[in-house]
Amino acid sequence: MKLKEELLSKIEQLKTPIDIKLGSPITDVQFNDSVVQEIDYLTQKVEAQNPNLLPLCYAVNLLDGVWQLQYSTSREIRSLTKLKYGLKVGAVYQVIDLKNKSFFNQAFVKHRLGLVSGYVLVTATFEAAKENYSPLPDKRLNIDFKKRYLAIENIGGLTTPQLNPFKIVPARNPKGRVPVFDITYLDETLRIGRGGDGGVYILSKVEKQLPISQLIALSMSKYQ
């Protein structure tokens, strides 16, 4: 089995039936050290076989589209595993619009008994980081977070368009520094990256019935 398939298979095996049903990502806080070390080892082995060492130069087109988060060690994703009042995080998507150098992260949330469902969405723009040692971009993106949307889509089986979204606030960028994201592995179906805090993100490409460009245009138009 190829290392990439081995990594994704290991992540899938660790998911609970409800994780699989909801499409939820998993995080390192859910497992003991030996399991986390195994995932980290496999992740580093896959990164070492990156077919696109300078993704922002020669494979930037692969970023475009819809990506689903499968595993992460980031603080933001860890916090989603600690939701209260019977809520559980579902699928987490990142939709990248390469043409406009923008993206949004959307995390769906559902009550375990189906009483309520909604999502949290954050919009952002990005640009290739300028490195002093080279005029060419390589793998680092500078991020500028824009807005955060909180929405409730359904309560007790009834849709709630008046609450979708019910709150819009500015997204907070870290004080005194620019958020960055390093793309450490990229191909047609898998992306691995590391945030400025060292958190790992493992995402798989999602195929949608709508053309990707149309899906992004429809999604982004709602969250300007």
C-alpha atoms as a PDB file:
ATOM      1  CA  MET A   1       0.000   0.000   0.000  1.00  0.00           C
ATOM      2  CA  LYS A   2       1.286   3.443  -0.877  1.00  0.00           C
ATOM      3  CA  LEU A   3       2.137   5.692   2.055  1.00  0.00           C
ATOM      4  CA  LYS A   4      -0.580   8.168   1.119  1.00  0.00           C
ATOM      5  CA  GLU A   5      -3.267   5.480   1.117  1.00  0.00           C
ATOM      6  CA  GLU A   6      -1.840   4.043   4.330  1.00  0.00           C
ATOM      7  CA  LEU A   7      -2.116   7.422   6.057  1.00  0.00           C
ATOM      8  CA  LEU A   8      -5.693   8.021   4.921  1.00  0.00           C
ATOM      9  CA  SER A   9      -6.667   4.444   5.795  1.00  0.00           C
ATOM     10  CA  LYS A  10      -5.257   4.851   9.306  1.00  0.00           C
ATOM     11  CA  ILE A  11      -7.227   8.068   9.830  1.00  0.00           C
ATOM     12  CA  GLU A  12     -10.418   6.433   8.581  1.00  0.00           C
ATOM     13  CA  GLN A  13      -9.943   3.449  10.914  1.00  0.00           C
ATOM     14  CA  LEU A  14      -9.703   5.793  13.905  1.00  0.00           C
ATOM     15  CA  LYS A  15     -13.018   7.489  13.184  1.00  0.00           C
ATOM     16  CA  THR A  16     -16.093   6.450  15.126  1.00  0.00           C
ATOM     17  CA  PRO A  17     -19.330   5.507  13.317  1.00  0.00           C
ATOM     18  CA  ILE A  18     -20.773   8.959  14.116  1.00  0.00           C
ATOM     19  CA  ASP A  19     -17.591  10.630  12.810  1.00  0.00           C
ATOM     20  CA  ILE A  20     -18.038   8.771   9.537  1.00  0.00           C
ATOM     21  CA  LYS A  21     -21.748   9.585   9.362  1.00  0.00           C
ATOM     22  CA  LEU A  22     -21.186  13.319   9.922  1.00  0.00           C
ATOM     23  CA  GLY A  23     -17.907  13.533   8.008  1.00  0.00           C
ATOM     24  CA  SER A  24     -16.136  14.826  11.115  1.00  0.00           C
ATOM     25  CA  PRO A  25     -12.360  15.271  11.221  1.00  0.00           C
ATOM     26  CA  ILE A  26     -10.358  13.744  14.053  1.00  0.00           C
ATOM     27  CA  THR A  27      -7.640  15.369  16.157  1.00  0.00           C
ATOM     28  CA  ASP A  28      -4.651  14.281  18.195  1.00  0.00           C
ATOM     29  CA  VAL A  29      -6.380  15.022  21.519  1.00  0.00           C
ATOM     30  CA  GLN A  30      -8.708  12.082  20.932  1.00  0.00           C
ATOM     31  CA  PHE A  31      -5.950   9.443  21.020  1.00  0.00           C
ATOM     32  CA  ASN A  32      -3.033   8.225  23.105  1.00  0.00           C
ATOM     33  CA  ASP A  33       0.574   9.139  22.370  1.00  0.00           C
ATOM     34  CA  SER A  34       1.405   5.977  20.438  1.00  0.00           C
ATOM     35  CA  VAL A  35      -1.453   6.525  17.977  1.00  0.00           C
ATOM     36  CA  VAL A  36      -0.560  10.195  17.537  1.00  0.00           C
ATOM     37  CA  GLN A  37       3.087   9.291  16.951  1.00  0.00           C
ATOM     38  CA  GLU A  38       2.082   6.749  14.320  1.00  0.00           C
ATOM     39  CA  ILE A  39       0.005   9.332  12.437  1.00  0.00           C
ATOM     40  CA  ASP A  40       2.818  11.869  12.739  1.00  0.00           C
ATOM     41  CA  TYR A  41       5.341   9.344  11.415  1.00  0.00           C
ATOM     42  CA  LEU A  42       3.148   8.486   8.419  1.00  0.00           C
ATOM     43  CA  THR A  43       2.470  12.170   7.773  1.00  0.00           C
ATOM     44  CA  GLN A  44       6.173  12.992   7.682  1.00  0.00           C
ATOM     45  CA  LYS A  45       6.854  10.031   5.374  1.00  0.00           C
ATOM     46  CA  VAL A  46       4.159  11.246   2.963  1.00  0.00           C
ATOM     47  CA  GLU A  47       5.505  14.815   3.118  1.00  0.00           C
ATOM     48  CA  ALA A  48       8.963  13.481   2.214  1.00  0.00           C
ATOM     49  CA  GLN A  49       7.455  12.109  -1.016  1.00  0.00           C
ATOM     50  CA  ASN A  50       5.820  15.405  -1.987  1.00  0.00           C
ATOM     51  CA  PRO A  51       5.578  15.394  -5.817  1.00  0.00           C
ATOM     52  CA  ASN A  52       5.353  19.202  -5.860  1.00  0.00           C
ATOM     53  CA  LEU A  53       8.162  20.655  -3.753  1.00  0.00           C
ATOM     54  CA  LEU A  54       7.409  24.186  -5.005  1.00  0.00           C
ATOM     55  CA  PRO A  55       3.618  24.033  -5.149  1.00  0.00           C
ATOM     56  CA  LEU A  56       3.094  27.787  -5.500  1.00  0.00           C
ATOM     57  CA  CYS A  57       5.365  27.841  -8.558  1.00  0.00           C
ATOM     58  CA  TYR A  58       4.457  24.708 -10.449  1.00  0.00           C
ATOM     59  CA  ALA A  59       1.244  23.238  -9.019  1.00  0.00           C
ATOM     60  CA  VAL A  60      -0.789  26.169  -7.703  1.00  0.00           C
ATOM     61  CA  ASN A  61      -3.782  25.147  -9.847  1.00  0.00           C
ATOM     62  CA  LEU A  62      -4.181  22.037  -7.679  1.00  0.00           C
ATOM     63  CA  LEU A  63      -5.221  24.230  -4.740  1.00  0.00           C
ATOM     64  CA  ASP A  64      -8.432  25.359  -6.425  1.00  0.00           C
ATOM     65  CA  GLY A  65     -11.653  23.761  -5.245  1.00  0.00           C
ATOM     66  CA  VAL A  66     -13.225  22.105  -2.231  1.00  0.00           C
ATOM     67  CA  TRP A  67     -11.163  20.323   0.411  1.00  0.00           C
ATOM     68  CA  GLN A  68     -12.437  18.328   3.390  1.00  0.00           C
ATOM     69  CA  LEU A  69     -10.448  18.194   6.615  1.00  0.00           C
ATOM     70  CA  GLN A  70      -9.668  14.650   7.787  1.00  0.00           C
ATOM     71  CA  TYR A  71      -7.187  15.156  10.634  1.00  0.00           C
ATOM     72  CA  SER A  72      -5.620  18.087  12.454  1.00  0.00           C
ATOM     73  CA  THR A  73      -3.527  18.983  15.482  1.00  0.00           C
ATOM     74  CA  SER A  74      -4.369  22.704  15.313  1.00  0.00           C
ATOM     75  CA  ARG A  75      -5.762  24.540  18.325  1.00  0.00           C
ATOM     76  CA  GLU A  76      -8.878  25.686  16.430  1.00  0.00           C
ATOM     77  CA  ILE A  77      -9.859  22.171  15.384  1.00  0.00           C
ATOM     78  CA  ARG A  78      -9.062  20.733  18.809  1.00  0.00           C
ATOM     79  CA  SER A  79     -11.494  23.193  20.368  1.00  0.00           C
ATOM     80  CA  LEU A  80     -14.294  21.847  18.189  1.00  0.00           C
ATOM     81  CA  THR A  81     -14.030  18.465  19.947  1.00  0.00           C
ATOM     82  CA  LYS A  82     -15.051  20.128  23.229  1.00  0.00           C
ATOM     83  CA  LEU A  83     -18.441  21.515  22.215  1.00  0.00           C
ATOM     84  CA  LYS A  84     -21.087  21.488  24.949  1.00  0.00           C
ATOM     85  CA  TYR A  85     -24.861  20.960  25.138  1.00  0.00           C
ATOM     86  CA  GLY A  86     -24.795  17.805  23.015  1.00  0.00           C
ATOM     87  CA  LEU A  87     -23.300  19.522  19.977  1.00  0.00           C
ATOM     88  CA  LYS A  88     -20.781  17.770  17.737  1.00  0.00           C
ATOM     89  CA  VAL A  89     -18.713  19.057  14.868  1.00  0.00           C
ATOM     90  CA  GLY A  90     -19.526  17.569  11.486  1.00  0.00           C
ATOM     91  CA  ALA A  91     -17.722  18.037   8.189  1.00  0.00           C
ATOM     92  CA  VAL A  92     -15.132  20.810   7.949  1.00  0.00           C
ATOM     93  CA  TYR A  93     -14.457  22.207   4.493  1.00  0.00           C
ATOM     94  CA  GLN A  94     -12.030  24.671   2.979  1.00  0.00           C
ATOM     95  CA  VAL A  95     -13.161  26.150  -0.319  1.00  0.00           C
ATOM     96  CA  ILE A  96     -10.370  27.859  -2.269  1.00  0.00           C
ATOM     97  CA  ASP A  97     -11.021  30.385  -5.023  1.00  0.00           C
ATOM     98  CA  LEU A  98      -7.622  30.638  -6.673  1.00  0.00           C
ATOM     99  CA  LYS A  99      -8.679  33.294  -9.182  1.00  0.00           C
ATOM    100  CA  ASN A 100      -9.602  35.755  -6.425  1.00  0.00           C
ATOM    101  CA  LYS A 101      -6.941  34.564  -3.968  1.00  0.00           C
ATOM    102  CA  SER A 102      -9.562  33.904  -1.318  1.00  0.00           C
ATOM    103  CA  PHE A 103     -10.992  31.014   0.635  1.00  0.00           C
ATOM    104  CA  PHE A 104     -13.400  30.179   3.409  1.00  0.00           C
ATOM    105  CA  ASN A 105     -13.339  27.562   6.145  1.00  0.00           C
ATOM    106  CA  GLN A 106     -16.724  26.120   7.067  1.00  0.00           C
ATOM    107  CA  ALA A 107     -17.344  23.816  10.035  1.00  0.00           C
ATOM    108  CA  PHE A 108     -20.786  22.257  10.331  1.00  0.00           C
ATOM    109  CA  VAL A 109     -22.196  21.551  13.782  1.00  0.00           C
ATOM    110  CA  LYS A 110     -25.073  19.257  14.721  1.00  0.00           C
ATOM    111  CA  HIS A 111     -26.803  18.264  17.942  1.00  0.00           C
ATOM    112  CA  ARG A 112     -26.423  14.584  18.766  1.00  0.00           C
ATOM    113  CA  LEU A 113     -30.221  14.211  18.902  1.00  0.00           C
ATOM    114  CA  GLY A 114     -30.824  16.291  15.792  1.00  0.00           C
ATOM    115  CA  LEU A 115     -32.350  19.204  17.743  1.00  0.00           C
ATOM    116  CA  VAL A 116     -30.327  21.897  15.987  1.00  0.00           C
ATOM    117  CA  SER A 117     -27.751  22.257  13.208  1.00  0.00           C
ATOM    118  CA  GLY A 118     -25.660  25.106  11.896  1.00  0.00           C
ATOM    119  CA  TYR A 119     -22.158  26.138  11.028  1.00  0.00           C
ATOM    120  CA  VAL A 120     -19.249  28.474  11.664  1.00  0.00           C
ATOM    121  CA  LEU A 121     -17.638  30.067   8.606  1.00  0.00           C
ATOM    122  CA  VAL A 122     -14.509  32.206   8.308  1.00  0.00           C
ATOM    123  CA  THR A 123     -13.515  34.081   5.161  1.00  0.00           C
ATOM    124  CA  ALA A 124      -9.964  35.041   4.244  1.00  0.00           C
ATOM    125  CA  THR A 125      -7.622  36.102   1.466  1.00  0.00           C
ATOM    126  CA  PHE A 126      -4.122  34.835   0.791  1.00  0.00           C
ATOM    127  CA  GLU A 127      -0.955  35.584  -1.128  1.00  0.00           C
ATOM    128  CA  ALA A 128       2.340  33.832  -1.679  1.00  0.00           C
ATOM    129  CA  ALA A 129       4.906  34.838   0.923  1.00  0.00           C
ATOM    130  CA  LYS A 130       7.918  36.758  -0.355  1.00  0.00           C
ATOM    131  CA  GLU A 131      11.151  35.140   0.777  1.00  0.00           C
ATOM    132  CA  ASN A 132      14.357  37.184   0.816  1.00  0.00           C
ATOM    133  CA  TYR A 133      16.523  34.348  -0.460  1.00  0.00           C
ATOM    134  CA  SER A 134      14.474  33.677  -3.592  1.00  0.00           C
ATOM    135  CA  PRO A 135      12.312  35.709  -5.995  1.00  0.00           C
ATOM    136  CA  LEU A 136      10.091  32.653  -6.525  1.00  0.00           C
ATOM    137  CA  PRO A 137       7.263  31.597  -4.198  1.00  0.00           C
ATOM    138  CA  ASP A 138       7.615  28.095  -2.854  1.00  0.00           C
ATOM    139  CA  LYS A 139       5.159  26.739  -0.298  1.00  0.00           C
ATOM    140  CA  ARG A 140       4.265  29.477   2.213  1.00  0.00           C
ATOM    141  CA  LEU A 141       1.043  31.497   2.105  1.00  0.00           C
ATOM    142  CA  ASN A 142       0.350  34.677   4.053  1.00  0.00           C
ATOM    143  CA  ILE A 143      -3.244  34.726   5.310  1.00  0.00           C
ATOM    144  CA  ASP A 144      -5.532  37.657   6.061  1.00  0.00           C
ATOM    145  CA  PHE A 145      -8.697  36.592   7.880  1.00  0.00           C
ATOM    146  CA  LYS A 146     -11.711  38.781   7.089  1.00  0.00           C
ATOM    147  CA  LYS A 147     -15.058  37.835   8.674  1.00  0.00           C
ATOM    148  CA  ARG A 148     -16.588  35.169  10.895  1.00  0.00           C
ATOM    149  CA  TYR A 149     -20.166  34.001  10.355  1.00  0.00           C
ATOM    150  CA  LEU A 150     -22.288  32.068  12.859  1.00  0.00           C
ATOM    151  CA  ALA A 151     -25.397  30.404  11.525  1.00  0.00           C
ATOM    152  CA  ILE A 152     -28.248  28.147  12.600  1.00  0.00           C
ATOM    153  CA  GLU A 153     -29.792  26.284   9.675  1.00  0.00           C
ATOM    154  CA  ASN A 154     -32.324  24.083  11.415  1.00  0.00           C
ATOM    155  CA  ILE A 155     -34.119  23.887  14.761  1.00  0.00           C
ATOM    156  CA  GLY A 156     -36.311  20.903  15.550  1.00  0.00           C
ATOM    157  CA  GLY A 157     -36.603  19.983  11.900  1.00  0.00           C
ATOM    158  CA  LEU A 158     -37.569  23.498  10.784  1.00  0.00           C
ATOM    159  CA  THR A 159     -35.290  25.602   8.606  1.00  0.00           C
ATOM    160  CA  THR A 160     -34.322  28.986  10.042  1.00  0.00           C
ATOM    161  CA  PRO A 161     -33.283  31.330   7.203  1.00  0.00           C
ATOM    162  CA  GLN A 162     -33.564  34.318   9.558  1.00  0.00           C
ATOM    163  CA  LEU A 163     -30.700  32.825  11.585  1.00  0.00           C
ATOM    164  CA  ASN A 164     -28.514  31.985   8.588  1.00  0.00           C
ATOM    165  CA  PRO A 165     -26.340  33.773   9.551  1.00  0.00           C
ATOM    166  CA  PHE A 166     -27.399  35.279  12.883  1.00  0.00           C
ATOM    167  CA  LYS A 167     -24.056  36.901  13.659  1.00  0.00           C
ATOM    168  CA  ILE A 168     -21.243  38.395  11.559  1.00  0.00           C
ATOM    169  CA  VAL A 169     -18.090  39.709  13.219  1.00  0.00           C
ATOM    170  CA  PRO A 170     -14.580  40.610  12.046  1.00  0.00           C
ATOM    171  CA  ALA A 171     -12.206  37.657  12.122  1.00  0.00           C
ATOM    172  CA  ARG A 172      -9.237  38.319  14.362  1.00  0.00           C
ATOM    173  CA  ASN A 173      -5.725  38.050  12.972  1.00  0.00           C
ATOM    174  CA  PRO A 174      -2.910  37.494  15.492  1.00  0.00           C
ATOM    175  CA  LYS A 175      -1.472  40.737  16.840  1.00  0.00           C
ATOM    176  CA  GLY A 176       2.011  41.584  15.676  1.00  0.00           C
ATOM    177  CA  ARG A 177       2.391  38.859  13.063  1.00  0.00           C
ATOM    178  CA  VAL A 178       0.977  37.650   9.770  1.00  0.00           C
ATOM    179  CA  PRO A 179      -0.736  34.245   9.859  1.00  0.00           C
ATOM    180  CA  VAL A 180       1.054  31.797   7.570  1.00  0.00           C
ATOM    181  CA  PHE A 181       0.346  28.363   6.148  1.00  0.00           C
ATOM    182  CA  ASP A 182       2.963  26.027   4.669  1.00  0.00           C
ATOM    183  CA  ILE A 183       1.886  23.515   2.031  1.00  0.00           C
ATOM    184  CA  THR A 184       4.029  20.465   2.774  1.00  0.00           C
ATOM    185  CA  TYR A 185       2.325  17.983   0.422  1.00  0.00           C
ATOM    186  CA  LEU A 186       0.088  18.563  -2.589  1.00  0.00           C
ATOM    187  CA  ASP A 187      -1.294  16.389  -5.338  1.00  0.00           C
ATOM    188  CA  GLU A 188      -4.644  16.003  -7.102  1.00  0.00           C
ATOM    189  CA  THR A 189      -6.433  14.415  -4.130  1.00  0.00           C
ATOM    190  CA  LEU A 190      -4.432  15.116  -0.954  1.00  0.00           C
ATOM    191  CA  ARG A 191      -3.078  18.223   0.727  1.00  0.00           C
ATOM    192  CA  ILE A 192      -1.035  18.441   3.931  1.00  0.00           C
ATOM    193  CA  GLY A 193      -0.115  21.730   5.525  1.00  0.00           C
ATOM    194  CA  ARG A 194       1.221  23.239   8.709  1.00  0.00           C
ATOM    195  CA  GLY A 195       0.031  26.451  10.281  1.00  0.00           C
ATOM    196  CA  GLY A 196       2.150  29.103  11.958  1.00  0.00           C
ATOM    197  CA  ASP A 197       1.686  27.345  15.313  1.00  0.00           C
ATOM    198  CA  GLY A 198       2.915  24.049  13.853  1.00  0.00           C
ATOM    199  CA  GLY A 199      -0.554  22.510  13.708  1.00  0.00           C
ATOM    200  CA  VAL A 200      -0.967  19.827  11.035  1.00  0.00           C
ATOM    201  CA  TYR A 201      -3.875  19.780   8.573  1.00  0.00           C
ATOM    202  CA  ILE A 202      -4.610  16.761   6.375  1.00  0.00           C
ATOM    203  CA  LEU A 203      -7.282  17.380   3.731  1.00  0.00           C
ATOM    204  CA  SER A 204      -8.718  15.388   0.849  1.00  0.00           C
ATOM    205  CA  LYS A 205     -10.146  16.848  -2.359  1.00  0.00           C
ATOM    206  CA  VAL A 206     -13.931  16.692  -2.617  1.00  0.00           C
ATOM    207  CA  GLU A 207     -15.623  16.071  -5.938  1.00  0.00           C
ATOM    208  CA  LYS A 208     -18.918  17.909  -6.307  1.00  0.00           C
ATOM    209  CA  GLN A 209     -21.633  17.526  -8.942  1.00  0.00           C
ATOM    210  CA  LEU A 210     -21.416  21.226  -9.792  1.00  0.00           C
ATOM    211  CA  PRO A 211     -18.271  22.362 -11.589  1.00  0.00           C
ATOM    212  CA  ILE A 212     -15.805  23.525  -8.947  1.00  0.00           C
ATOM    213  CA  SER A 213     -15.641  27.040 -10.358  1.00  0.00           C
ATOM    214  CA  GLN A 214     -19.426  27.366 -10.231  1.00  0.00           C
ATOM    215  CA  LEU A 215     -19.619  25.957  -6.713  1.00  0.00           C
ATOM    216  CA  ILE A 216     -17.012  28.418  -5.470  1.00  0.00           C
ATOM    217  CA  ALA A 217     -18.693  31.344  -7.203  1.00  0.00           C
ATOM    218  CA  LEU A 218     -22.042  30.484  -5.619  1.00  0.00           C
ATOM    219  CA  SER A 219     -20.500  29.997  -2.190  1.00  0.00           C
ATOM    220  CA  MET A 220     -18.273  33.053  -2.184  1.00  0.00           C
ATOM    221  CA  SER A 221     -21.018  35.378  -3.445  1.00  0.00           C
ATOM    222  CA  LYS A 222     -22.947  34.720  -0.244  1.00  0.00           C
ATOM    223  CA  TYR A 223     -20.095  35.690   2.045  1.00  0.00           C
ATOM    224  CA  GLN A 224     -18.676  38.972   0.755  1.00  0.00           C
END
